[in-house]
């Protein structure tokens, strides 16, 4: 199963988004049949995660749609907001002395 997905991903990963990518399915039963016809040691199948995926979906998933290209979106930057100001944090802290009798 993984090889089917890998084969499909390789086919779609190296180029920018094209108009037909939005309507072309990334995997097909024909592709699975062709791989299974090779009589290898495993059986190919369409993974449920990619069953309805388009080529555009896979290209976005792989990160092959680059900045400046149509369909690119920047991942949201994660920022941690601390409730305590830096000035309120002590220079050092030793849990062995700060939590005597409280922490086990």
N, C-alpha and C. Protein backbone atom coordinates (compact mmCIF):
# COMPACT_ATOMS: atom_id res chain seq x y z
N UNK A 1 0.81 -1.19 0.00
CA UNK A 1 0.00 0.00 0.00
C UNK A 1 0.86 1.25 0.00
N UNK A 2 1.90 1.21 0.78
CA UNK A 2 2.77 2.37 0.87
C UNK A 2 3.43 2.67 -0.46
N UNK A 3 3.79 1.64 -1.20
CA UNK A 3 4.45 1.85 -2.49
C UNK A 3 3.51 2.51 -3.48
N UNK A 4 2.23 2.19 -3.43
CA UNK A 4 1.27 2.82 -4.33
C UNK A 4 1.23 4.31 -4.04
N UNK A 5 1.15 4.64 -2.78
CA UNK A 5 1.12 6.05 -2.40
C UNK A 5 2.43 6.71 -2.80
N UNK A 6 3.54 6.06 -2.52
CA UNK A 6 4.84 6.63 -2.86
C UNK A 6 4.96 6.86 -4.35
N UNK A 7 4.49 5.91 -5.15
CA UNK A 7 4.53 6.06 -6.60
C UNK A 7 3.70 7.26 -7.04
N UNK A 8 2.52 7.38 -6.50
CA UNK A 8 1.65 8.50 -6.85
C UNK A 8 2.25 9.82 -6.40
N UNK A 9 2.83 9.83 -5.22
CA UNK A 9 3.42 11.06 -4.70
C UNK A 9 4.61 11.49 -5.53
N UNK A 10 5.42 10.54 -5.97
CA UNK A 10 6.55 10.88 -6.82
C UNK A 10 6.10 11.47 -8.14
N UNK A 11 5.01 10.98 -8.67
CA UNK A 11 4.50 11.47 -9.94
C UNK A 11 4.03 12.91 -9.84
N UNK A 12 3.58 13.33 -8.68
CA UNK A 12 2.99 14.66 -8.56
C UNK A 12 3.85 15.65 -7.80
N UNK A 13 4.98 15.23 -7.26
CA UNK A 13 5.68 16.07 -6.31
C UNK A 13 6.63 17.09 -6.91
N UNK A 14 7.02 16.95 -8.15
CA UNK A 14 8.12 17.76 -8.64
C UNK A 14 7.71 19.02 -9.41
N UNK A 15 6.44 19.34 -9.48
CA UNK A 15 6.04 20.47 -10.29
C UNK A 15 5.08 21.39 -9.57
N UNK A 16 4.90 22.59 -10.11
CA UNK A 16 3.94 23.53 -9.52
C UNK A 16 2.51 23.08 -9.82
N UNK A 17 1.57 23.76 -9.21
CA UNK A 17 0.16 23.43 -9.44
C UNK A 17 -0.27 23.81 -10.85
N UNK A 18 -0.92 22.90 -11.51
CA UNK A 18 -1.48 23.13 -12.84
C UNK A 18 -3.00 23.13 -12.70
N UNK A 19 -3.70 23.69 -13.67
CA UNK A 19 -5.16 23.76 -13.63
C UNK A 19 -5.78 22.37 -13.47
N UNK A 20 -5.27 21.40 -14.19
CA UNK A 20 -5.84 20.06 -14.15
C UNK A 20 -5.56 19.33 -12.83
N UNK A 21 -4.59 19.81 -12.05
CA UNK A 21 -4.27 19.18 -10.77
C UNK A 21 -5.45 19.21 -9.79
N UNK A 22 -6.32 20.20 -9.94
CA UNK A 22 -7.44 20.36 -9.02
C UNK A 22 -8.58 19.36 -9.30
N UNK A 23 -8.55 18.74 -10.47
CA UNK A 23 -9.61 17.79 -10.83
C UNK A 23 -9.08 16.37 -11.09
N UNK A 24 -7.76 16.21 -11.18
CA UNK A 24 -7.17 14.90 -11.43
C UNK A 24 -6.96 14.16 -10.12
N UNK A 25 -7.48 12.94 -10.03
CA UNK A 25 -7.30 12.14 -8.81
C UNK A 25 -5.84 11.70 -8.71
N UNK A 26 -5.32 11.74 -7.50
CA UNK A 26 -3.93 11.36 -7.27
C UNK A 26 -3.71 9.87 -7.45
N UNK A 27 -4.69 9.07 -7.08
CA UNK A 27 -4.60 7.61 -7.21
C UNK A 27 -5.77 7.10 -8.03
N UNK A 28 -5.55 6.00 -8.73
CA UNK A 28 -6.64 5.42 -9.50
C UNK A 28 -6.59 3.90 -9.38
N UNK A 29 -7.72 3.28 -9.64
CA UNK A 29 -7.76 1.82 -9.61
C UNK A 29 -6.89 1.25 -10.72
N UNK A 30 -6.76 1.98 -11.83
CA UNK A 30 -5.90 1.53 -12.93
C UNK A 30 -4.44 1.45 -12.46
N UNK A 31 -4.00 2.45 -11.70
CA UNK A 31 -2.63 2.44 -11.18
C UNK A 31 -2.42 1.23 -10.27
N UNK A 32 -3.39 0.98 -9.40
CA UNK A 32 -3.30 -0.15 -8.48
C UNK A 32 -3.25 -1.46 -9.26
N UNK A 33 -4.11 -1.59 -10.28
CA UNK A 33 -4.14 -2.81 -11.09
C UNK A 33 -2.81 -3.03 -11.81
N UNK A 34 -2.23 -1.96 -12.34
CA UNK A 34 -0.94 -2.08 -13.04
C UNK A 34 0.16 -2.54 -12.09
N UNK A 35 0.17 -2.00 -10.89
CA UNK A 35 1.18 -2.40 -9.92
C UNK A 35 0.97 -3.84 -9.49
N UNK A 36 -0.29 -4.22 -9.25
CA UNK A 36 -0.57 -5.60 -8.84
C UNK A 36 -0.29 -6.60 -9.96
N UNK A 37 -0.38 -6.16 -11.20
CA UNK A 37 -0.09 -7.04 -12.34
C UNK A 37 1.39 -7.44 -12.39
N UNK A 38 2.23 -6.71 -11.70
CA UNK A 38 3.66 -7.03 -11.67
C UNK A 38 3.97 -8.21 -10.76
N UNK A 39 2.95 -8.68 -10.02
CA UNK A 39 3.07 -9.88 -9.18
C UNK A 39 4.24 -9.78 -8.20
N UNK A 40 4.34 -8.67 -7.48
CA UNK A 40 5.39 -8.53 -6.49
C UNK A 40 4.98 -9.27 -5.21
N UNK A 41 5.74 -9.10 -4.16
CA UNK A 41 5.48 -9.84 -2.92
C UNK A 41 4.40 -9.20 -2.05
N UNK A 42 3.82 -8.10 -2.47
CA UNK A 42 2.75 -7.44 -1.72
C UNK A 42 1.65 -7.02 -2.67
N UNK A 43 0.52 -6.66 -2.11
CA UNK A 43 -0.63 -6.26 -2.92
C UNK A 43 -0.90 -4.77 -2.73
N UNK A 44 -0.99 -4.05 -3.83
CA UNK A 44 -1.26 -2.61 -3.80
C UNK A 44 -2.74 -2.36 -3.56
N UNK A 45 -3.04 -1.24 -2.94
CA UNK A 45 -4.43 -0.82 -2.71
C UNK A 45 -4.44 0.69 -2.54
N UNK A 46 -5.61 1.28 -2.66
CA UNK A 46 -5.75 2.72 -2.47
C UNK A 46 -5.96 2.98 -0.99
N UNK A 47 -5.07 3.75 -0.39
CA UNK A 47 -5.18 4.13 1.01
C UNK A 47 -6.36 5.06 1.19
N UNK A 48 -7.16 4.85 2.23
CA UNK A 48 -8.37 5.67 2.45
C UNK A 48 -8.04 7.15 2.55
N UNK A 49 -6.89 7.49 3.10
CA UNK A 49 -6.52 8.91 3.26
C UNK A 49 -6.40 9.61 1.91
N UNK A 50 -5.99 8.87 0.88
CA UNK A 50 -5.77 9.47 -0.43
C UNK A 50 -6.82 9.06 -1.46
N UNK A 51 -7.85 8.35 -1.03
CA UNK A 51 -8.84 7.83 -1.96
C UNK A 51 -9.51 8.93 -2.79
N UNK A 52 -9.79 10.06 -2.20
CA UNK A 52 -10.45 11.16 -2.92
C UNK A 52 -9.53 12.35 -3.14
N UNK A 53 -8.25 12.19 -2.88
CA UNK A 53 -7.30 13.29 -3.01
C UNK A 53 -7.04 13.61 -4.48
N UNK A 54 -6.89 14.90 -4.76
CA UNK A 54 -6.50 15.33 -6.10
C UNK A 54 -4.99 15.49 -6.12
N UNK A 55 -4.44 15.63 -7.31
CA UNK A 55 -3.01 15.88 -7.46
C UNK A 55 -2.64 17.16 -6.71
N UNK A 56 -3.50 18.17 -6.77
CA UNK A 56 -3.24 19.43 -6.05
C UNK A 56 -3.16 19.19 -4.55
N UNK A 57 -4.04 18.36 -4.01
CA UNK A 57 -4.01 18.04 -2.58
C UNK A 57 -2.67 17.44 -2.19
N UNK A 58 -2.19 16.51 -2.99
CA UNK A 58 -0.94 15.83 -2.69
C UNK A 58 0.24 16.78 -2.81
N UNK A 59 0.24 17.62 -3.83
CA UNK A 59 1.33 18.59 -3.98
C UNK A 59 1.40 19.53 -2.78
N UNK A 60 0.24 19.97 -2.30
CA UNK A 60 0.22 20.85 -1.12
C UNK A 60 0.72 20.10 0.10
N UNK A 61 0.31 18.86 0.25
CA UNK A 61 0.72 18.05 1.38
C UNK A 61 2.23 17.85 1.40
N UNK A 62 2.82 17.68 0.23
CA UNK A 62 4.26 17.44 0.14
C UNK A 62 5.08 18.72 0.22
N UNK A 63 4.42 19.87 0.20
CA UNK A 63 5.16 21.12 0.26
C UNK A 63 5.81 21.49 -1.05
N UNK A 64 5.31 20.99 -2.16
CA UNK A 64 5.92 21.31 -3.45
C UNK A 64 5.32 22.54 -4.09
N UNK A 65 4.31 23.12 -3.47
CA UNK A 65 3.77 24.39 -3.94
C UNK A 65 4.57 25.45 -3.20
N UNK A 66 5.39 26.17 -3.94
CA UNK A 66 6.35 27.08 -3.32
C UNK A 66 5.80 28.48 -3.14
N UNK A 67 6.44 29.23 -2.23
CA UNK A 67 6.07 30.62 -1.97
C UNK A 67 6.03 31.38 -3.30
N UNK A 68 4.98 32.13 -3.50
CA UNK A 68 4.81 32.90 -4.73
C UNK A 68 3.97 32.17 -5.77
N UNK A 69 3.76 30.87 -5.60
CA UNK A 69 2.95 30.11 -6.53
C UNK A 69 1.51 30.08 -6.06
N UNK A 70 0.58 30.00 -7.01
CA UNK A 70 -0.83 29.91 -6.68
C UNK A 70 -1.07 28.65 -5.85
N UNK A 71 -1.84 28.79 -4.80
CA UNK A 71 -2.14 27.66 -3.93
C UNK A 71 -1.23 27.56 -2.72
N UNK A 72 -0.14 28.35 -2.70
CA UNK A 72 0.76 28.32 -1.55
C UNK A 72 0.11 29.02 -0.38
N UNK A 73 0.25 28.46 0.80
CA UNK A 73 -0.16 29.15 2.00
C UNK A 73 0.91 28.94 3.07
N UNK A 74 1.20 30.02 3.76
CA UNK A 74 2.23 30.00 4.79
C UNK A 74 1.68 29.34 6.04
N UNK A 75 2.41 28.40 6.62
CA UNK A 75 1.94 27.81 7.87
C UNK A 75 1.88 28.88 8.95
N UNK A 76 0.91 28.74 9.83
CA UNK A 76 0.77 29.71 10.91
C UNK A 76 1.96 29.58 11.85
N UNK A 77 2.54 30.73 12.20
CA UNK A 77 3.67 30.73 13.11
C UNK A 77 3.14 30.56 14.53
N UNK A 78 3.69 29.59 15.22
CA UNK A 78 3.26 29.34 16.59
C UNK A 78 4.07 30.22 17.53
N UNK A 79 3.38 30.96 18.36
CA UNK A 79 4.06 31.84 19.30
C UNK A 79 3.53 31.55 20.69
N UNK A 80 4.47 31.36 21.61
CA UNK A 80 4.10 31.12 23.00
C UNK A 80 4.00 32.45 23.73
N UNK A 81 2.88 32.66 24.38
CA UNK A 81 2.69 33.88 25.17
C UNK A 81 2.75 33.48 26.63
N UNK A 82 3.70 34.07 27.34
CA UNK A 82 3.87 33.75 28.75
C UNK A 82 3.08 34.70 29.62
N UNK A 83 2.46 34.17 30.67
CA UNK A 83 1.65 34.98 31.58
C UNK A 83 2.51 35.79 32.55
N UNK A 84 3.75 35.39 32.75
CA UNK A 84 4.64 36.05 33.69
C UNK A 84 5.69 36.83 32.92
N UNK A 85 5.88 38.08 33.30
CA UNK A 85 6.91 38.89 32.65
C UNK A 85 8.28 38.35 33.02
N UNK A 86 9.27 38.55 32.16
CA UNK A 86 10.63 38.08 32.42
C UNK A 86 11.17 38.59 33.75
N UNK A 87 10.84 39.82 34.12
CA UNK A 87 11.34 40.42 35.35
C UNK A 87 10.80 39.70 36.59
N UNK A 88 9.66 39.02 36.47
CA UNK A 88 9.06 38.32 37.60
C UNK A 88 9.62 36.92 37.82
N UNK A 89 10.49 36.47 36.95
CA UNK A 89 11.06 35.13 37.05
C UNK A 89 12.40 35.22 37.76
N UNK A 90 12.58 34.39 38.79
CA UNK A 90 13.83 34.45 39.56
C UNK A 90 15.00 33.94 38.72
N UNK A 91 16.19 34.33 39.14
CA UNK A 91 17.40 33.92 38.42
C UNK A 91 17.64 32.42 38.51
N UNK A 92 17.26 31.82 39.65
CA UNK A 92 17.46 30.39 39.81
C UNK A 92 16.29 29.80 40.60
N UNK A 93 16.14 28.50 40.47
CA UNK A 93 15.06 27.80 41.16
C UNK A 93 15.51 26.38 41.42
N UNK A 94 15.37 25.93 42.65
CA UNK A 94 15.73 24.55 43.01
C UNK A 94 14.50 23.91 43.62
N UNK A 95 13.88 22.99 42.94
CA UNK A 95 12.66 22.34 43.40
C UNK A 95 12.89 21.59 44.71
N UNK A 96 14.13 21.14 44.96
CA UNK A 96 14.41 20.39 46.19
C UNK A 96 14.24 21.26 47.42
N UNK A 97 14.49 22.56 47.30
CA UNK A 97 14.30 23.44 48.47
C UNK A 97 13.01 24.22 48.40
N UNK A 98 12.50 24.47 47.23
CA UNK A 98 11.28 25.27 47.09
C UNK A 98 10.03 24.49 47.42
N UNK A 99 10.06 23.19 47.27
CA UNK A 99 8.84 22.39 47.49
C UNK A 99 9.01 21.38 48.62
N UNK A 100 9.79 21.70 49.61
CA UNK A 100 9.99 20.77 50.73
C UNK A 100 8.65 20.51 51.42
N UNK A 101 8.30 19.24 51.52
CA UNK A 101 7.06 18.85 52.15
C UNK A 101 5.83 18.96 51.27
N UNK A 102 5.96 19.53 50.08
CA UNK A 102 4.82 19.71 49.18
C UNK A 102 4.89 18.68 48.05
N UNK A 103 6.03 18.60 47.42
CA UNK A 103 6.20 17.68 46.28
C UNK A 103 6.75 16.34 46.76
N UNK A 104 6.33 15.32 46.11
CA UNK A 104 6.80 13.99 46.46
C UNK A 104 7.80 13.52 45.43
